[in-house]
Amino acid sequence: MKLKSIDVLVTKVEVKENKEGKGYLIINLLDLASGDNFQIINKELELLGKLKSMTKFKMDFDLSSTKYGLKLEIARIISEEGII
C-alpha cells in the first residue's frame, strides 16, 4: 500500500554497522498528523545526506506485509519543509 504526502518530523538519524561491517541507517520519524512514532531501518546510506534531525519532511511511504509483520519503507522524499 502506498502512503502519499505524509508530513513527518525526522527526530533522529543514526548510522550503525552489522556483524559483517556493512552500514545501515536507523531513522526515527514522528507523524505530525497522528503523533505516532516510527523507527525505520534502511540500508541506503545515501539517505544520510538528505535527512537531518529535527527537520520536517513531506514523504511517500510503502507499507507491505511480510512474514515478520508490517514493513514501512521510505519510497520518496518529496520536500524538506524546514527545521522546527
Protein backbone atom coordinates (compact mmCIF):
# COMPACT_ATOMS: atom_id res chain seq x y z
CA MET A 1 0.00 0.00 0.00
CA LYS A 2 1.25 3.47 -0.87
CA LEU A 3 1.04 6.27 1.69
CA LYS A 4 1.41 9.59 -0.11
CA SER A 5 2.35 13.09 1.06
CA ILE A 6 2.76 12.37 4.77
CA ASP A 7 4.17 15.18 6.93
CA VAL A 8 6.80 13.75 9.27
CA LEU A 9 9.43 15.07 11.61
CA VAL A 10 12.77 13.26 11.47
CA THR A 11 13.72 13.10 15.13
CA LYS A 12 16.93 11.06 14.84
CA VAL A 13 19.19 9.61 12.14
CA GLU A 14 21.78 7.11 13.33
CA VAL A 15 24.39 5.06 11.44
CA LYS A 16 25.03 1.52 12.68
CA GLU A 17 27.08 -1.45 11.47
CA ASN A 18 26.04 -5.08 11.34
CA LYS A 19 28.30 -8.02 12.21
CA GLU A 20 29.69 -8.13 8.66
CA GLY A 21 30.71 -4.46 8.89
CA LYS A 22 28.06 -3.19 6.47
CA GLY A 23 26.42 0.07 7.43
CA TYR A 24 22.73 0.84 7.76
CA LEU A 25 20.58 3.71 8.99
CA ILE A 26 18.09 3.84 11.83
CA ILE A 27 15.63 6.67 11.17
CA ASN A 28 13.17 7.79 13.85
CA LEU A 29 10.09 9.57 12.49
CA LEU A 30 7.13 11.34 14.07
CA ASP A 31 3.90 11.53 12.06
CA LEU A 32 2.76 15.12 12.60
CA ALA A 33 -0.91 14.38 11.86
CA SER A 34 -1.39 11.47 14.29
CA GLY A 35 1.54 11.80 16.68
CA ASP A 36 2.71 8.22 16.01
CA ASN A 37 6.41 7.36 16.23
CA PHE A 38 8.10 5.04 13.75
CA GLN A 39 11.59 3.59 13.52
CA ILE A 40 12.74 2.63 10.04
CA ILE A 41 15.86 0.60 9.29
CA ASN A 42 17.27 1.43 5.86
CA LYS A 43 20.31 0.05 4.02
CA GLU A 44 20.54 3.06 1.68
CA LEU A 45 23.30 5.17 3.25
CA GLU A 46 22.79 7.96 0.66
CA LEU A 47 19.69 8.97 2.63
CA LEU A 48 22.07 10.17 5.36
CA GLY A 49 22.93 13.22 3.26
CA LYS A 50 19.26 14.06 2.64
CA LEU A 51 17.80 13.58 6.14
CA LYS A 52 18.53 15.93 9.02
CA SER A 53 17.45 15.54 12.64
CA MET A 54 14.59 17.74 13.89
CA THR A 55 13.58 18.67 10.34
CA LYS A 56 10.09 18.41 8.84
CA PHE A 57 9.73 16.50 5.57
CA LYS A 58 6.91 15.52 3.25
CA MET A 59 7.41 11.86 2.22
CA ASP A 60 5.78 8.97 0.42
CA PHE A 61 5.93 5.55 2.09
CA ASP A 62 5.39 1.93 1.07
CA LEU A 63 3.62 -0.29 3.61
CA SER A 64 3.82 -4.04 3.00
CA SER A 65 3.17 -7.24 4.86
CA THR A 66 5.99 -9.74 5.40
CA LYS A 67 6.22 -12.98 7.31
CA TYR A 68 7.63 -10.97 10.25
CA GLY A 69 4.87 -8.33 10.28
CA LEU A 70 4.33 -4.96 8.63
CA LYS A 71 7.22 -3.23 6.87
CA LEU A 72 7.30 0.54 6.37
CA GLU A 73 9.79 1.93 3.84
CA ILE A 74 10.55 5.43 2.58
CA ALA A 75 9.51 5.45 -1.08
CA ARG A 76 10.35 9.07 -1.85
CA ILE A 77 11.28 12.30 -0.13
CA ILE A 78 9.03 14.93 -1.70
CA SER A 79 10.32 18.05 0.02
CA GLU A 80 12.08 19.42 3.04
CA GLU A 81 9.67 21.66 4.93
CA GLY A 82 12.17 23.24 7.32
CA ILE A 83 13.65 22.97 10.79
CA ILE A 84 11.35 23.23 13.80
